[in-house]
Amino acid sequence: MTESIEQMIDDLKGKLRLVNTSVLNKDSFPEDKKEELKEIHTMVMSRKNISTSEMAAITQALGDLRK
C-alpha cells in the first residue's frame, strides 16, 4: 500500500506526540523526498518506545527533509 505524504505526517504527529505539530506540515515536504519520509515513517511506526535522543534525531531528520 502506498501511503500519501499527508497520511505519513499524520501518523508521525500521533506517534511522536510533538508539542509543536506545525513543524510537520504536509506542504513542507516535497514529493521528491517521499522515499526518505517513508523510511523515517516505517522506522518510527515500528518502534514501541522512542528515547529522547532518538526523538531529537528523528526531528532533525524530518527538518532536513523540509523545503
PDB file of N, CA and C in Angstrom:
ATOM      1  N   MET A   1       0.844  -1.181   0.000  1.00  0.00           N
ATOM      2  CA  MET A   1       0.000   0.000   0.000  1.00  0.00           C
ATOM      3  C   MET A   1       0.889   1.244   0.000  1.00  0.00           C
ATOM      4  N   THR A   2       0.581   2.153  -0.892  1.00  0.00           N
ATOM      5  CA  THR A   2       1.319   3.406  -0.968  1.00  0.00           C
ATOM      6  C   THR A   2       0.636   4.436  -0.096  1.00  0.00           C
ATOM      7  N   GLU A   3       1.406   4.980   0.821  1.00  0.00           N
ATOM      8  CA  GLU A   3       0.845   5.985   1.716  1.00  0.00           C
ATOM      9  C   GLU A   3       1.164   7.370   1.194  1.00  0.00           C
ATOM     10  N   SER A   4       0.242   8.274   1.376  1.00  0.00           N
ATOM     11  CA  SER A   4       0.463   9.648   0.958  1.00  0.00           C
ATOM     12  C   SER A   4       1.343  10.357   1.986  1.00  0.00           C
ATOM     13  N   ILE A   5       1.954  11.445   1.547  1.00  0.00           N
ATOM     14  CA  ILE A   5       2.756  12.251   2.463  1.00  0.00           C
ATOM     15  C   ILE A   5       1.879  12.721   3.617  1.00  0.00           C
ATOM     16  N   GLU A   6       0.663  13.141   3.308  1.00  0.00           N
ATOM     17  CA  GLU A   6      -0.251  13.633   4.345  1.00  0.00           C
ATOM     18  C   GLU A   6      -0.526  12.560   5.400  1.00  0.00           C
ATOM     19  N   GLN A   7      -0.772  11.319   4.966  1.00  0.00           N
ATOM     20  CA  GLN A   7      -1.054  10.239   5.913  1.00  0.00           C
ATOM     21  C   GLN A   7       0.174   9.923   6.766  1.00  0.00           C
ATOM     22  N   MET A   8       1.356   9.902   6.140  1.00  0.00           N
ATOM     23  CA  MET A   8       2.576   9.622   6.905  1.00  0.00           C
ATOM     24  C   MET A   8       2.814  10.712   7.947  1.00  0.00           C
ATOM     25  N   ILE A   9       2.596  11.970   7.570  1.00  0.00           N
ATOM     26  CA  ILE A   9       2.771  13.087   8.505  1.00  0.00           C
ATOM     27  C   ILE A   9       1.793  12.964   9.664  1.00  0.00           C
ATOM     28  N   ASP A  10       0.539  12.657   9.364  1.00  0.00           N
ATOM     29  CA  ASP A  10      -0.462  12.481  10.422  1.00  0.00           C
ATOM     30  C   ASP A  10      -0.068  11.356  11.369  1.00  0.00           C
ATOM     31  N   ASP A  11       0.421  10.244  10.816  1.00  0.00           N
ATOM     32  CA  ASP A  11       0.871   9.117  11.644  1.00  0.00           C
ATOM     33  C   ASP A  11       2.030   9.539  12.550  1.00  0.00           C
ATOM     34  N   LEU A  12       2.991  10.258  11.974  1.00  0.00           N
ATOM     35  CA  LEU A  12       4.155  10.695  12.747  1.00  0.00           C
ATOM     36  C   LEU A  12       3.753  11.655  13.860  1.00  0.00           C
ATOM     37  N   LYS A  13       2.854  12.564  13.561  1.00  0.00           N
ATOM     38  CA  LYS A  13       2.379  13.501  14.588  1.00  0.00           C
ATOM     39  C   LYS A  13       1.797  12.746  15.772  1.00  0.00           C
ATOM     40  N   GLY A  14       1.000  11.733  15.496  1.00  0.00           N
ATOM     41  CA  GLY A  14       0.380  10.947  16.560  1.00  0.00           C
ATOM     42  C   GLY A  14       1.383  10.127  17.347  1.00  0.00           C
ATOM     43  N   LYS A  15       2.283   9.483  16.651  1.00  0.00           N
ATOM     44  CA  LYS A  15       3.254   8.605  17.310  1.00  0.00           C
ATOM     45  C   LYS A  15       4.296   9.388  18.106  1.00  0.00           C
ATOM     46  N   LEU A  16       4.749  10.513  17.553  1.00  0.00           N
ATOM     47  CA  LEU A  16       5.814  11.278  18.210  1.00  0.00           C
ATOM     48  C   LEU A  16       5.284  12.217  19.285  1.00  0.00           C
ATOM     49  N   ARG A  17       4.002  12.475  19.275  1.00  0.00           N
ATOM     50  CA  ARG A  17       3.373  13.361  20.259  1.00  0.00           C
ATOM     51  C   ARG A  17       4.141  14.673  20.407  1.00  0.00           C
ATOM     52  N   LEU A  18       4.392  15.319  19.283  1.00  0.00           N
ATOM     53  CA  LEU A  18       5.116  16.579  19.276  1.00  0.00           C
ATOM     54  C   LEU A  18       4.272  17.691  19.875  1.00  0.00           C
ATOM     55  N   VAL A  19       4.917  18.589  20.590  1.00  0.00           N
ATOM     56  CA  VAL A  19       4.227  19.732  21.168  1.00  0.00           C
ATOM     57  C   VAL A  19       3.852  20.717  20.060  1.00  0.00           C
ATOM     58  N   ASN A  20       4.783  20.985  19.169  1.00  0.00           N
ATOM     59  CA  ASN A  20       4.560  21.919  18.069  1.00  0.00           C
ATOM     60  C   ASN A  20       4.372  21.128  16.780  1.00  0.00           C
ATOM     61  N   THR A  21       3.141  20.748  16.495  1.00  0.00           N
ATOM     62  CA  THR A  21       2.886  19.926  15.305  1.00  0.00           C
ATOM     63  C   THR A  21       2.963  20.724  14.015  1.00  0.00           C
ATOM     64  N   SER A  22       3.049  22.046  14.103  1.00  0.00           N
ATOM     65  CA  SER A  22       3.143  22.853  12.886  1.00  0.00           C
ATOM     66  C   SER A  22       4.456  22.602  12.141  1.00  0.00           C
ATOM     67  N   VAL A  23       5.455  22.056  12.822  1.00  0.00           N
ATOM     68  CA  VAL A  23       6.711  21.748  12.141  1.00  0.00           C
ATOM     69  C   VAL A  23       6.530  20.586  11.164  1.00  0.00           C
ATOM     70  N   LEU A  24       5.465  19.828  11.332  1.00  0.00           N
ATOM     71  CA  LEU A  24       5.164  18.735  10.411  1.00  0.00           C
ATOM     72  C   LEU A  24       3.955  19.105   9.556  1.00  0.00           C
ATOM     73  N   ASN A  25       4.176  20.016   8.642  1.00  0.00           N
ATOM     74  CA  ASN A  25       3.134  20.444   7.724  1.00  0.00           C
ATOM     75  C   ASN A  25       3.336  19.709   6.409  1.00  0.00           C
ATOM     76  N   LYS A  26       2.306  19.052   5.911  1.00  0.00           N
ATOM     77  CA  LYS A  26       2.448  18.248   4.692  1.00  0.00           C
ATOM     78  C   LYS A  26       2.961  19.060   3.509  1.00  0.00           C
ATOM     79  N   ASP A  27       2.658  20.333   3.479  1.00  0.00           N
ATOM     80  CA  ASP A  27       3.104  21.181   2.377  1.00  0.00           C
ATOM     81  C   ASP A  27       4.592  21.512   2.452  1.00  0.00           C
ATOM     82  N   SER A  28       5.222  21.206   3.565  1.00  0.00           N
ATOM     83  CA  SER A  28       6.648  21.488   3.739  1.00  0.00           C
ATOM     84  C   SER A  28       7.538  20.374   3.202  1.00  0.00           C
ATOM     85  N   PHE A  29       6.936  19.261   2.829  1.00  0.00           N
ATOM     86  CA  PHE A  29       7.714  18.109   2.369  1.00  0.00           C
ATOM     87  C   PHE A  29       7.511  17.918   0.870  1.00  0.00           C
ATOM     88  N   PRO A  30       8.567  18.141   0.083  1.00  0.00           N
ATOM     89  CA  PRO A  30       8.438  17.982  -1.368  1.00  0.00           C
ATOM     90  C   PRO A  30       8.233  16.519  -1.760  1.00  0.00           C
ATOM     91  N   GLU A  31       7.566  16.321  -2.859  1.00  0.00           N
ATOM     92  CA  GLU A  31       7.257  14.973  -3.349  1.00  0.00           C
ATOM     93  C   GLU A  31       8.526  14.155  -3.588  1.00  0.00           C
ATOM     94  N   ASP A  32       9.623  14.807  -3.980  1.00  0.00           N
ATOM     95  CA  ASP A  32      10.859  14.062  -4.257  1.00  0.00           C
ATOM     96  C   ASP A  32      11.542  13.550  -2.990  1.00  0.00           C
ATOM     97  N   LYS A  33      11.042  13.933  -1.820  1.00  0.00           N
ATOM     98  CA  LYS A  33      11.577  13.437  -0.547  1.00  0.00           C
ATOM     99  C   LYS A  33      10.681  12.361   0.061  1.00  0.00           C
ATOM    100  N   LYS A  34       9.705  11.887  -0.710  1.00  0.00           N
ATOM    101  CA  LYS A  34       8.725  10.937  -0.184  1.00  0.00           C
ATOM    102  C   LYS A  34       9.373   9.633   0.281  1.00  0.00           C
ATOM    103  N   GLU A  35      10.360   9.129  -0.445  1.00  0.00           N
ATOM    104  CA  GLU A  35      11.003   7.869  -0.052  1.00  0.00           C
ATOM    105  C   GLU A  35      11.741   8.002   1.273  1.00  0.00           C
ATOM    106  N   GLU A  36      12.444   9.115   1.458  1.00  0.00           N
ATOM    107  CA  GLU A  36      13.140   9.346   2.726  1.00  0.00           C
ATOM    108  C   GLU A  36      12.136   9.479   3.866  1.00  0.00           C
ATOM    109  N   LEU A  37      11.032  10.177   3.604  1.00  0.00           N
ATOM    110  CA  LEU A  37       9.985  10.313   4.608  1.00  0.00           C
ATOM    111  C   LEU A  37       9.389   8.948   4.940  1.00  0.00           C
ATOM    112  N   LYS A  38       9.206   8.119   3.933  1.00  0.00           N
ATOM    113  CA  LYS A  38       8.652   6.775   4.145  1.00  0.00           C
ATOM    114  C   LYS A  38       9.579   5.933   5.016  1.00  0.00           C
ATOM    115  N   GLU A  39      10.891   6.059   4.815  1.00  0.00           N
ATOM    116  CA  GLU A  39      11.852   5.319   5.640  1.00  0.00           C
ATOM    117  C   GLU A  39      11.749   5.736   7.108  1.00  0.00           C
ATOM    118  N   ILE A  40      11.666   7.035   7.344  1.00  0.00           N
ATOM    119  CA  ILE A  40      11.523   7.530   8.718  1.00  0.00           C
ATOM    120  C   ILE A  40      10.197   7.051   9.298  1.00  0.00           C
ATOM    121  N   HIS A  41       9.136   7.161   8.527  1.00  0.00           N
ATOM    122  CA  HIS A  41       7.801   6.734   8.954  1.00  0.00           C
ATOM    123  C   HIS A  41       7.806   5.260   9.343  1.00  0.00           C
ATOM    124  N   THR A  42       8.380   4.414   8.504  1.00  0.00           N
ATOM    125  CA  THR A  42       8.422   2.971   8.765  1.00  0.00           C
ATOM    126  C   THR A  42       9.174   2.675  10.056  1.00  0.00           C
ATOM    127  N   MET A  43      10.315   3.330  10.256  1.00  0.00           N
ATOM    128  CA  MET A  43      11.109   3.109  11.462  1.00  0.00           C
ATOM    129  C   MET A  43      10.349   3.557  12.706  1.00  0.00           C
ATOM    130  N   VAL A  44       9.774   4.760  12.653  1.00  0.00           N
ATOM    131  CA  VAL A  44       9.063   5.293  13.818  1.00  0.00           C
ATOM    132  C   VAL A  44       7.854   4.421  14.162  1.00  0.00           C
ATOM    133  N   MET A  45       7.096   4.043  13.167  1.00  0.00           N
ATOM    134  CA  MET A  45       5.875   3.283  13.414  1.00  0.00           C
ATOM    135  C   MET A  45       6.179   1.865  13.911  1.00  0.00           C
ATOM    136  N   SER A  46       7.367   1.365  13.637  1.00  0.00           N
ATOM    137  CA  SER A  46       7.718   0.021  14.084  1.00  0.00           C
ATOM    138  C   SER A  46       8.199  -0.015  15.537  1.00  0.00           C
ATOM    139  N   ARG A  47       8.492   1.154  16.097  1.00  0.00           N
ATOM    140  CA  ARG A  47       9.026   1.236  17.453  1.00  0.00           C
ATOM    141  C   ARG A  47       7.915   1.362  18.471  1.00  0.00           C
ATOM    142  N   LYS A  48       8.062   0.645  19.576  1.00  0.00           N
ATOM    143  CA  LYS A  48       7.101   0.765  20.668  1.00  0.00           C
ATOM    144  C   LYS A  48       7.399   2.020  21.488  1.00  0.00           C
ATOM    145  N   ASN A  49       8.668   2.228  21.772  1.00  0.00           N
ATOM    146  CA  ASN A  49       9.109   3.394  22.546  1.00  0.00           C
ATOM    147  C   ASN A  49      10.202   4.120  21.782  1.00  0.00           C
ATOM    148  N   ILE A  50      10.249   5.428  21.961  1.00  0.00           N
ATOM    149  CA  ILE A  50      11.270   6.247  21.315  1.00  0.00           C
ATOM    150  C   ILE A  50      11.952   7.071  22.406  1.00  0.00           C
ATOM    151  N   SER A  51      13.270   6.923  22.501  1.00  0.00           N
ATOM    152  CA  SER A  51      14.015   7.642  23.532  1.00  0.00           C
ATOM    153  C   SER A  51      14.134   9.122  23.172  1.00  0.00           C
ATOM    154  N   THR A  52      14.554   9.908  24.126  1.00  0.00           N
ATOM    155  CA  THR A  52      14.730  11.344  23.915  1.00  0.00           C
ATOM    156  C   THR A  52      15.760  11.609  22.826  1.00  0.00           C
ATOM    157  N   SER A  53      16.858  10.873  22.858  1.00  0.00           N
ATOM    158  CA  SER A  53      17.899  11.088  21.844  1.00  0.00           C
ATOM    159  C   SER A  53      17.418  10.658  20.460  1.00  0.00           C
ATOM    160  N   GLU A  54      16.642   9.582  20.402  1.00  0.00           N
ATOM    161  CA  GLU A  54      16.065   9.152  19.121  1.00  0.00           C
ATOM    162  C   GLU A  54      15.072  10.198  18.605  1.00  0.00           C
ATOM    163  N   MET A  55      14.282  10.771  19.514  1.00  0.00           N
ATOM    164  CA  MET A  55      13.325  11.809  19.131  1.00  0.00           C
ATOM    165  C   MET A  55      14.050  12.996  18.523  1.00  0.00           C
ATOM    166  N   ALA A  56      15.158  13.391  19.137  1.00  0.00           N
ATOM    167  CA  ALA A  56      15.942  14.512  18.616  1.00  0.00           C
ATOM    168  C   ALA A  56      16.475  14.194  17.214  1.00  0.00           C
ATOM    169  N   ALA A  57      16.971  12.983  17.034  1.00  0.00           N
ATOM    170  CA  ALA A  57      17.499  12.581  15.726  1.00  0.00           C
ATOM    171  C   ALA A  57      16.388  12.526  14.671  1.00  0.00           C
ATOM    172  N   ILE A  58      15.234  12.035  15.053  1.00  0.00           N
ATOM    173  CA  ILE A  58      14.099  11.943  14.124  1.00  0.00           C
ATOM    174  C   ILE A  58      13.631  13.330  13.717  1.00  0.00           C
ATOM    175  N   THR A  59      13.476  14.221  14.681  1.00  0.00           N
ATOM    176  CA  THR A  59      13.014  15.573  14.348  1.00  0.00           C
ATOM    177  C   THR A  59      14.058  16.309  13.504  1.00  0.00           C
ATOM    178  N   GLN A  60      15.337  16.055  13.750  1.00  0.00           N
ATOM    179  CA  GLN A  60      16.386  16.647  12.915  1.00  0.00           C
ATOM    180  C   GLN A  60      16.288  16.114  11.489  1.00  0.00           C
ATOM    181  N   ALA A  61      16.110  14.811  11.345  1.00  0.00           N
ATOM    182  CA  ALA A  61      15.991  14.207  10.017  1.00  0.00           C
ATOM    183  C   ALA A  61      14.768  14.741   9.275  1.00  0.00           C
ATOM    184  N   LEU A  62      13.652  14.893   9.984  1.00  0.00           N
ATOM    185  CA  LEU A  62      12.458  15.445   9.361  1.00  0.00           C
ATOM    186  C   LEU A  62      12.688  16.892   8.941  1.00  0.00           C
ATOM    187  N   GLY A  63      13.363  17.644   9.780  1.00  0.00           N
ATOM    188  CA  GLY A  63      13.693  19.034   9.454  1.00  0.00           C
ATOM    189  C   GLY A  63      14.560  19.136   8.213  1.00  0.00           C
ATOM    190  N   ASP A  64      15.483  18.200   8.060  1.00  0.00           N
ATOM    191  CA  ASP A  64      16.366  18.192   6.892  1.00  0.00           C
ATOM    192  C   ASP A  64      15.603  17.906   5.603  1.00  0.00           C
ATOM    193  N   LEU A  65      14.480  17.220   5.697  1.00  0.00           N
ATOM    194  CA  LEU A  65      13.685  16.881   4.512  1.00  0.00           C
ATOM    195  C   LEU A  65      12.786  18.020   4.053  1.00  0.00           C
ATOM    196  N   ARG A  66      12.516  18.948   4.936  1.00  0.00           N
ATOM    197  CA  ARG A  66      11.597  20.035   4.608  1.00  0.00           C
ATOM    198  C   ARG A  66      12.157  20.930   3.514  1.00  0.00           C
ATOM    199  N   LYS A  67      11.246  21.609   2.807  1.00  0.00           N
ATOM    200  CA  LYS A  67      11.629  22.538   1.730  1.00  0.00           C
ATOM    201  C   LYS A  67      12.424  23.697   2.290  1.00  0.00           C
TER     202      LYS A  67
END
